[in-house]
PDB file of all heavy atoms in Angstrom:
ATOM      1  N   GLY A   1      85.345 115.265 133.793  1.00  0.00           N
ATOM      2  CA  GLY A   1      84.155 114.889 134.547  1.00  0.00           C
ATOM      3  C   GLY A   1      84.274 113.490 135.121  1.00  0.00           C
ATOM      4  O   GLY A   1      83.950 113.249 136.285  1.00  0.00           O
ATOM      5  N   ARG A   2      84.754 112.575 134.313  1.00  0.00           N
ATOM      6  CA  ARG A   2      84.937 111.195 134.793  1.00  0.00           C
ATOM      7  C   ARG A   2      85.977 111.131 135.911  1.00  0.00           C
ATOM      8  O   ARG A   2      85.791 110.439 136.905  1.00  0.00           O
ATOM      9  CB  ARG A   2      85.325 110.271 133.647  1.00  0.00           C
ATOM     10  CG  ARG A   2      84.170 109.982 132.713  1.00  0.00           C
ATOM     11  CD  ARG A   2      84.546 108.948 131.650  1.00  0.00           C
ATOM     12  NE  ARG A   2      83.399 108.639 130.835  1.00  0.00           N
ATOM     13  CZ  ARG A   2      82.499 107.700 131.132  1.00  0.00           C
ATOM     14  NH1 ARG A   2      82.631 106.976 132.213  1.00  0.00           N
ATOM     15  NH2 ARG A   2      81.466 107.481 130.338  1.00  0.00           N
ATOM     16  N   LEU A   3      87.076 111.863 135.733  1.00  0.00           N
ATOM     17  CA  LEU A   3      88.118 111.864 136.759  1.00  0.00           C
ATOM     18  C   LEU A   3      87.628 112.489 138.065  1.00  0.00           C
ATOM     19  O   LEU A   3      88.016 112.040 139.146  1.00  0.00           O
ATOM     20  CB  LEU A   3      89.369 112.580 136.257  1.00  0.00           C
ATOM     21  CG  LEU A   3      90.225 111.786 135.276  1.00  0.00           C
ATOM     22  CD1 LEU A   3      91.295 112.672 134.641  1.00  0.00           C
ATOM     23  CD2 LEU A   3      90.872 110.590 135.973  1.00  0.00           C
ATOM     24  N   ALA A   4      86.780 113.513 137.976  1.00  0.00           N
ATOM     25  CA  ALA A   4      86.231 114.109 139.194  1.00  0.00           C
ATOM     26  C   ALA A   4      85.473 113.063 140.008  1.00  0.00           C
ATOM     27  O   ALA A   4      85.579 113.010 141.236  1.00  0.00           O
ATOM     28  CB  ALA A   4      85.320 115.283 138.846  1.00  0.00           C
ATOM     29  N   VAL A   5      84.749 112.204 139.320  1.00  0.00           N
ATOM     30  CA  VAL A   5      83.992 111.148 139.993  1.00  0.00           C
ATOM     31  C   VAL A   5      84.921 110.025 140.455  1.00  0.00           C
ATOM     32  O   VAL A   5      84.864 109.587 141.604  1.00  0.00           O
ATOM     33  CB  VAL A   5      82.891 110.597 139.057  1.00  0.00           C
ATOM     34  CG1 VAL A   5      82.207 109.380 139.672  1.00  0.00           C
ATOM     35  CG2 VAL A   5      81.873 111.694 138.738  1.00  0.00           C
ATOM     36  N   GLU A   6      85.803 109.570 139.592  1.00  0.00           N
ATOM     37  CA  GLU A   6      86.655 108.412 139.888  1.00  0.00           C
ATOM     38  C   GLU A   6      87.726 108.707 140.934  1.00  0.00           C
ATOM     39  O   GLU A   6      88.268 107.780 141.545  1.00  0.00           O
ATOM     40  CB  GLU A   6      87.299 107.907 138.604  1.00  0.00           C
ATOM     41  CG  GLU A   6      86.274 107.344 137.633  1.00  0.00           C
ATOM     42  CD  GLU A   6      86.831 107.078 136.250  1.00  0.00           C
ATOM     43  OE1 GLU A   6      88.063 107.174 136.044  1.00  0.00           O
ATOM     44  OE2 GLU A   6      86.017 106.769 135.350  1.00  0.00           O
ATOM     45  N   THR A   7      88.035 109.986 141.162  1.00  0.00           N
ATOM     46  CA  THR A   7      88.991 110.351 142.213  1.00  0.00           C
ATOM     47  C   THR A   7      88.293 110.645 143.534  1.00  0.00           C
ATOM     48  O   THR A   7      88.955 110.797 144.563  1.00  0.00           O
ATOM     49  CB  THR A   7      89.810 111.600 141.810  1.00  0.00           C
ATOM     50  OG1 THR A   7      88.916 112.687 141.583  1.00  0.00           O
ATOM     51  CG2 THR A   7      90.673 111.339 140.591  1.00  0.00           C
ATOM     52  N   GLY A   8      86.975 110.769 143.500  1.00  0.00           N
ATOM     53  CA  GLY A   8      86.219 111.094 144.705  1.00  0.00           C
ATOM     54  C   GLY A   8      86.071 112.588 144.936  1.00  0.00           C
ATOM     55  O   GLY A   8      85.475 113.007 145.932  1.00  0.00           O
ATOM     56  N   ILE A   9      86.590 113.407 144.039  1.00  0.00           N
ATOM     57  CA  ILE A   9      86.428 114.857 144.155  1.00  0.00           C
ATOM     58  C   ILE A   9      84.939 115.211 144.087  1.00  0.00           C
ATOM     59  O   ILE A   9      84.459 116.088 144.801  1.00  0.00           O
ATOM     60  CB  ILE A   9      87.204 115.582 143.023  1.00  0.00           C
ATOM     61  CG1 ILE A   9      88.713 115.418 143.199  1.00  0.00           C
ATOM     62  CG2 ILE A   9      86.811 117.055 142.918  1.00  0.00           C
ATOM     63  CD1 ILE A   9      89.320 116.186 144.340  1.00  0.00           C
ATOM     64  N   PHE A  10      84.190 114.530 143.238  1.00  0.00           N
ATOM     65  CA  PHE A  10      82.754 114.758 143.080  1.00  0.00           C
ATOM     66  C   PHE A  10      82.049 113.401 143.050  1.00  0.00           C
ATOM     67  O   PHE A  10      81.781 112.852 141.981  1.00  0.00           O
ATOM     68  CB  PHE A  10      82.465 115.549 141.791  1.00  0.00           C
ATOM     69  CG  PHE A  10      81.050 116.033 141.698  1.00  0.00           C
ATOM     70  CD1 PHE A  10      80.668 117.213 142.323  1.00  0.00           C
ATOM     71  CD2 PHE A  10      80.097 115.324 140.995  1.00  0.00           C
ATOM     72  CE1 PHE A  10      79.355 117.667 142.238  1.00  0.00           C
ATOM     73  CE2 PHE A  10      78.786 115.779 140.894  1.00  0.00           C
ATOM     74  CZ  PHE A  10      78.417 116.954 141.525  1.00  0.00           C
ATOM     75  N   PRO A  11      81.760 112.845 144.219  1.00  0.00           N
ATOM     76  CA  PRO A  11      81.087 111.536 144.237  1.00  0.00           C
ATOM     77  C   PRO A  11      79.643 111.639 143.734  1.00  0.00           C
ATOM     78  O   PRO A  11      78.971 112.649 143.948  1.00  0.00           O
ATOM     79  CB  PRO A  11      81.128 111.134 145.710  1.00  0.00           C
ATOM     80  CG  PRO A  11      81.321 112.401 146.457  1.00  0.00           C
ATOM     81  CD  PRO A  11      82.035 113.358 145.549  1.00  0.00           C
ATOM     82  N   LEU A  12      79.213 110.603 143.059  1.00  0.00           N
ATOM     83  CA  LEU A  12      77.827 110.535 142.589  1.00  0.00           C
ATOM     84  C   LEU A  12      77.002 109.767 143.614  1.00  0.00           C
ATOM     85  O   LEU A  12      77.319 108.624 143.952  1.00  0.00           O
ATOM     86  CB  LEU A  12      77.761 109.844 141.226  1.00  0.00           C
ATOM     87  CG  LEU A  12      78.506 110.530 140.092  1.00  0.00           C
ATOM     88  CD1 LEU A  12      78.351 109.746 138.795  1.00  0.00           C
ATOM     89  CD2 LEU A  12      78.038 111.966 139.906  1.00  0.00           C
ATOM     90  N   TYR A  13      75.955 110.420 144.109  1.00  0.00           N
ATOM     91  CA  TYR A  13      75.114 109.778 145.112  1.00  0.00           C
ATOM     92  C   TYR A  13      73.683 110.287 145.023  1.00  0.00           C
ATOM     93  O   TYR A  13      73.393 111.254 144.318  1.00  0.00           O
ATOM     94  CB  TYR A  13      75.668 109.997 146.523  1.00  0.00           C
ATOM     95  CG  TYR A  13      75.722 111.442 146.969  1.00  0.00           C
ATOM     96  CD1 TYR A  13      74.616 112.070 147.533  1.00  0.00           C
ATOM     97  CD2 TYR A  13      76.893 112.179 146.848  1.00  0.00           C
ATOM     98  CE1 TYR A  13      74.671 113.382 147.948  1.00  0.00           C
ATOM     99  CE2 TYR A  13      76.957 113.496 147.265  1.00  0.00           C
ATOM    100  CZ  TYR A  13      75.839 114.090 147.818  1.00  0.00           C
ATOM    101  OH  TYR A  13      75.906 115.401 148.217  1.00  0.00           O
ATOM    102  N   GLU A  14      72.823 109.609 145.771  1.00  0.00           N
ATOM    103  CA  GLU A  14      71.423 110.002 145.902  1.00  0.00           C
ATOM    104  C   GLU A  14      71.048 109.974 147.381  1.00  0.00           C
ATOM    105  O   GLU A  14      71.545 109.133 148.127  1.00  0.00           O
ATOM    106  CB  GLU A  14      70.502 109.008 145.191  1.00  0.00           C
ATOM    107  CG  GLU A  14      70.661 108.942 143.697  1.00  0.00           C
ATOM    108  CD  GLU A  14      69.804 107.856 143.094  1.00  0.00           C
ATOM    109  OE1 GLU A  14      70.161 106.675 143.240  1.00  0.00           O
ATOM    110  OE2 GLU A  14      68.783 108.205 142.490  1.00  0.00           O
ATOM    111  N   ILE A  15      70.202 110.891 147.754  1.00  0.00           N
ATOM    112  CA  ILE A  15      69.556 110.848 149.065  1.00  0.00           C
ATOM    113  C   ILE A  15      68.057 110.840 148.770  1.00  0.00           C
ATOM    114  O   ILE A  15      67.483 111.847 148.373  1.00  0.00           O
ATOM    115  CB  ILE A  15      69.948 112.043 149.951  1.00  0.00           C
ATOM    116  CG1 ILE A  15      71.470 112.117 150.114  1.00  0.00           C
ATOM    117  CG2 ILE A  15      69.256 111.938 151.316  1.00  0.00           C
ATOM    118  CD1 ILE A  15      71.957 113.383 150.819  1.00  0.00           C
ATOM    119  N   ASP A  16      67.485 109.667 148.906  1.00  0.00           N
ATOM    120  CA  ASP A  16      66.073 109.470 148.574  1.00  0.00           C
ATOM    121  C   ASP A  16      65.295 109.278 149.871  1.00  0.00           C
ATOM    122  O   ASP A  16      65.456 108.250 150.543  1.00  0.00           O
ATOM    123  CB  ASP A  16      65.933 108.249 147.660  1.00  0.00           C
ATOM    124  CG  ASP A  16      64.561 108.132 147.026  1.00  0.00           C
ATOM    125  OD1 ASP A  16      63.623 108.811 147.482  1.00  0.00           O
ATOM    126  OD2 ASP A  16      64.428 107.348 146.069  1.00  0.00           O
ATOM    127  N   HIS A  17      64.507 110.299 150.227  1.00  0.00           N
ATOM    128  CA  HIS A  17      63.744 110.281 151.479  1.00  0.00           C
ATOM    129  C   HIS A  17      64.646 109.941 152.670  1.00  0.00           C
ATOM    130  O   HIS A  17      64.323 109.080 153.490  1.00  0.00           O
ATOM    131  CB  HIS A  17      62.555 109.325 151.380  1.00  0.00           C
ATOM    132  CG  HIS A  17      61.527 109.799 150.414  1.00  0.00           C
ATOM    133  ND1 HIS A  17      61.568 109.500 149.067  1.00  0.00           N
ATOM    134  CD2 HIS A  17      60.447 110.603 150.587  1.00  0.00           C
ATOM    135  CE1 HIS A  17      60.541 110.077 148.462  1.00  0.00           C
ATOM    136  NE2 HIS A  17      59.846 110.759 149.356  1.00  0.00           N
ATOM    137  N   GLY A  18      65.798 110.588 152.717  1.00  0.00           N
ATOM    138  CA  GLY A  18      66.720 110.439 153.840  1.00  0.00           C
ATOM    139  C   GLY A  18      67.697 109.283 153.745  1.00  0.00           C
ATOM    140  O   GLY A  18      68.581 109.149 154.580  1.00  0.00           O
ATOM    141  N   ARG A  19      67.556 108.432 152.737  1.00  0.00           N
ATOM    142  CA  ARG A  19      68.463 107.284 152.586  1.00  0.00           C
ATOM    143  C   ARG A  19      69.566 107.625 151.591  1.00  0.00           C
ATOM    144  O   ARG A  19      69.294 107.888 150.421  1.00  0.00           O
ATOM    145  CB  ARG A  19      67.693 106.045 152.149  1.00  0.00           C
ATOM    146  CG  ARG A  19      66.791 105.498 153.231  1.00  0.00           C
ATOM    147  CD  ARG A  19      66.190 104.136 152.878  1.00  0.00           C
ATOM    148  NE  ARG A  19      65.881 103.958 151.478  1.00  0.00           N
ATOM    149  CZ  ARG A  19      64.699 104.171 150.912  1.00  0.00           C
ATOM    150  NH1 ARG A  19      63.701 104.598 151.637  1.00  0.00           N
ATOM    151  NH2 ARG A  19      64.512 103.971 149.624  1.00  0.00           N
ATOM    152  N   TYR A  20      70.802 107.600 152.061  1.00  0.00           N
ATOM    153  CA  TYR A  20      71.976 107.928 151.246  1.00  0.00           C
ATOM    154  C   TYR A  20      72.531 106.675 150.599  1.00  0.00           C
ATOM    155  O   TYR A  20      72.641 105.629 151.243  1.00  0.00           O
ATOM    156  CB  TYR A  20      73.053 108.555 152.152  1.00  0.00           C
ATOM    157  CG  TYR A  20      74.385 108.782 151.477  1.00  0.00           C
ATOM    158  CD1 TYR A  20      74.659 109.979 150.830  1.00  0.00           C
ATOM    159  CD2 TYR A  20      75.383 107.812 151.496  1.00  0.00           C
ATOM    160  CE1 TYR A  20      75.886 110.203 150.210  1.00  0.00           C
ATOM    161  CE2 TYR A  20      76.606 108.028 150.882  1.00  0.00           C
ATOM    162  CZ  TYR A  20      76.848 109.227 150.251  1.00  0.00           C
ATOM    163  OH  TYR A  20      78.060 109.443 149.644  1.00  0.00           O
ATOM    164  N   LYS A  21      72.870 106.791 149.309  1.00  0.00           N
ATOM    165  CA  LYS A  21      73.574 105.687 148.660  1.00  0.00           C
ATOM    166  C   LYS A  21      74.447 106.239 147.536  1.00  0.00           C
ATOM    167  O   LYS A  21      74.057 107.168 146.821  1.00  0.00           O
ATOM    168  CB  LYS A  21      72.624 104.613 148.147  1.00  0.00           C
ATOM    169  CG  LYS A  21      71.917 104.955 146.871  1.00  0.00           C
ATOM    170  CD  LYS A  21      71.181 103.746 146.318  1.00  0.00           C
ATOM    171  CE  LYS A  21      70.675 104.093 144.930  1.00  0.00           C
ATOM    172  NZ  LYS A  21      70.170 102.997 144.198  1.00  0.00           N
ATOM    173  N   LEU A  22      75.635 105.676 147.422  1.00  0.00           N
ATOM    174  CA  LEU A  22      76.510 106.021 146.309  1.00  0.00           C
ATOM    175  C   LEU A  22      75.931 105.439 145.034  1.00  0.00           C
ATOM    176  O   LEU A  22      75.481 104.293 145.018  1.00  0.00           O
ATOM    177  CB  LEU A  22      77.914 105.440 146.519  1.00  0.00           C
ATOM    178  CG  LEU A  22      78.847 106.197 147.449  1.00  0.00           C
ATOM    179  CD1 LEU A  22      80.130 105.395 147.666  1.00  0.00           C
ATOM    180  CD2 LEU A  22      79.176 107.567 146.910  1.00  0.00           C
ATOM    181  N   SER A  23      75.942 106.213 143.975  1.00  0.00           N
ATOM    182  CA  SER A  23      75.468 105.722 142.683  1.00  0.00           C
ATOM    183  C   SER A  23      76.533 104.905 141.989  1.00  0.00           C
ATOM    184  O   SER A  23      76.239 103.959 141.267  1.00  0.00           O
ATOM    185  CB  SER A  23      75.080 106.892 141.775  1.00  0.00           C
ATOM    186  OG  SER A  23      74.165 107.728 142.407  1.00  0.00           O
ATOM    187  N   MET A  24      77.777 105.302 142.203  1.00  0.00           N
ATOM    188  CA  MET A  24      78.918 104.606 141.614  1.00  0.00           C
ATOM    189  C   MET A  24      80.023 104.582 142.659  1.00  0.00           C
ATOM    190  O   MET A  24      80.352 105.610 143.233  1.00  0.00           O
ATOM    191  CB  MET A  24      79.415 105.316 140.358  1.00  0.00           C
ATOM    192  CG  MET A  24      78.429 105.302 139.247  1.00  0.00           C
ATOM    193  SD  MET A  24      79.153 106.036 137.777  1.00  0.00           S
ATOM    194  CE  MET A  24      77.789 105.827 136.666  1.00  0.00           C
ATOM    195  N   ASP A  25      80.560 103.415 142.883  1.00  0.00           N
ATOM    196  CA  ASP A  25      81.619 103.263 143.870  1.00  0.00           C
ATOM    197  C   ASP A  25      82.909 102.899 143.137  1.00  0.00           C
ATOM    198  O   ASP A  25      82.998 101.841 142.524  1.00  0.00           O
ATOM    199  CB  ASP A  25      81.249 102.173 144.869  1.00  0.00           C
ATOM    200  CG  ASP A  25      82.266 102.030 145.987  1.00  0.00           C
ATOM    201  OD1 ASP A  25      83.152 102.889 146.105  1.00  0.00           O
ATOM    202  OD2 ASP A  25      82.160 101.048 146.736  1.00  0.00           O
ATOM    203  N   PHE A  26      83.851 103.801 143.183  1.00  0.00           N
ATOM    204  CA  PHE A  26      85.141 103.557 142.547  1.00  0.00           C
ATOM    205  C   PHE A  26      86.176 103.293 143.630  1.00  0.00           C
ATOM    206  O   PHE A  26      86.904 104.184 144.051  1.00  0.00           O
ATOM    207  CB  PHE A  26      85.556 104.753 141.677  1.00  0.00           C
ATOM    208  CG  PHE A  26      84.706 104.910 140.458  1.00  0.00           C
ATOM    209  CD1 PHE A  26      83.664 105.810 140.427  1.00  0.00           C
ATOM    210  CD2 PHE A  26      84.937 104.127 139.343  1.00  0.00           C
ATOM    211  CE1 PHE A  26      82.872 105.953 139.299  1.00  0.00           C
ATOM    212  CE2 PHE A  26      84.161 104.252 138.206  1.00  0.00           C
ATOM    213  CZ  PHE A  26      83.122 105.168 138.188  1.00  0.00           C
ATOM    214  N   SER A  27      86.177 102.082 144.114  1.00  0.00           N
ATOM    215  CA  SER A  27      87.162 101.691 145.118  1.00  0.00           C
ATOM    216  C   SER A  27      88.143 100.731 144.466  1.00  0.00           C
ATOM    217  O   SER A  27      87.717  99.775 143.826  1.00  0.00           O
ATOM    218  CB  SER A  27      86.489 101.001 146.298  1.00  0.00           C
ATOM    219  OG  SER A  27      85.666 101.907 146.967  1.00  0.00           O
ATOM    220  N   PRO A  28      89.413 100.980 144.589  1.00  0.00           N
ATOM    221  CA  PRO A  28      90.010 102.154 145.214  1.00  0.00           C
ATOM    222  C   PRO A  28      89.887 103.372 144.307  1.00  0.00           C
ATOM    223  O   PRO A  28      89.787 103.247 143.085  1.00  0.00           O
ATOM    224  CB  PRO A  28      91.464 101.765 145.405  1.00  0.00           C
ATOM    225  CG  PRO A  28      91.733 100.777 144.314  1.00  0.00           C
ATOM    226  CD  PRO A  28      90.428 100.057 144.082  1.00  0.00           C
ATOM    227  N   LEU A  29      89.902 104.537 144.943  1.00  0.00           N
ATOM    228  CA  LEU A  29      89.830 105.789 144.196  1.00  0.00           C
ATOM    229  C   LEU A  29      91.115 106.027 143.412  1.00  0.00           C
ATOM    230  O   LEU A  29      92.200 105.651 143.859  1.00  0.00           O
ATOM    231  CB  LEU A  29      89.620 106.964 145.150  1.00  0.00           C
ATOM    232  CG  LEU A  29      88.307 106.991 145.920  1.00  0.00           C
ATOM    233  CD1 LEU A  29      88.323 108.120 146.953  1.00  0.00           C
ATOM    234  CD2 LEU A  29      87.132 107.132 144.986  1.00  0.00           C
ATOM    235  N   ARG A  30      90.978 106.681 142.272  1.00  0.00           N
ATOM    236  CA  ARG A  30      92.158 107.088 141.516  1.00  0.00           C
ATOM    237  C   ARG A  30      92.790 108.284 142.232  1.00  0.00           C
ATOM    238  O   ARG A  30      92.093 109.044 142.905  1.00  0.00           O
ATOM    239  CB  ARG A  30      91.774 107.458 140.094  1.00  0.00           C
ATOM    240  CG  ARG A  30      91.290 106.235 139.305  1.00  0.00           C
ATOM    241  CD  ARG A  30      90.757 106.590 137.970  1.00  0.00           C
ATOM    242  NE  ARG A  30      91.845 106.940 137.054  1.00  0.00           N
ATOM    243  CZ  ARG A  30      91.694 107.060 135.746  1.00  0.00           C
ATOM    244  NH1 ARG A  30      90.517 106.864 135.189  1.00  0.00           N
ATOM    245  NH2 ARG A  30      92.713 107.375 134.992  1.00  0.00           N
ATOM    246  N   PRO A  31      94.096 108.475 142.099  1.00  0.00           N
ATOM    247  CA  PRO A  31      94.748 109.620 142.758  1.00  0.00           C
ATOM    248  C   PRO A  31      94.224 110.944 142.194  1.00  0.00           C
ATOM    249  O   PRO A  31      94.025 111.071 140.978  1.00  0.00           O
ATOM    250  CB  PRO A  31      96.231 109.451 142.406  1.00  0.00           C
ATOM    251  CG  PRO A  31      96.382 108.078 141.861  1.00  0.00           C
ATOM    252  CD  PRO A  31      95.038 107.618 141.389  1.00  0.00           C
TER     253      PRO A  31
END
């Protein structure tokens, strides 16, 4: 689960009333 997020396969984000934001930014992404 952590690797899915940290590789960008499953990014964690919110769209609150049309406003998009990443919940966690793992830059650079893991391979």
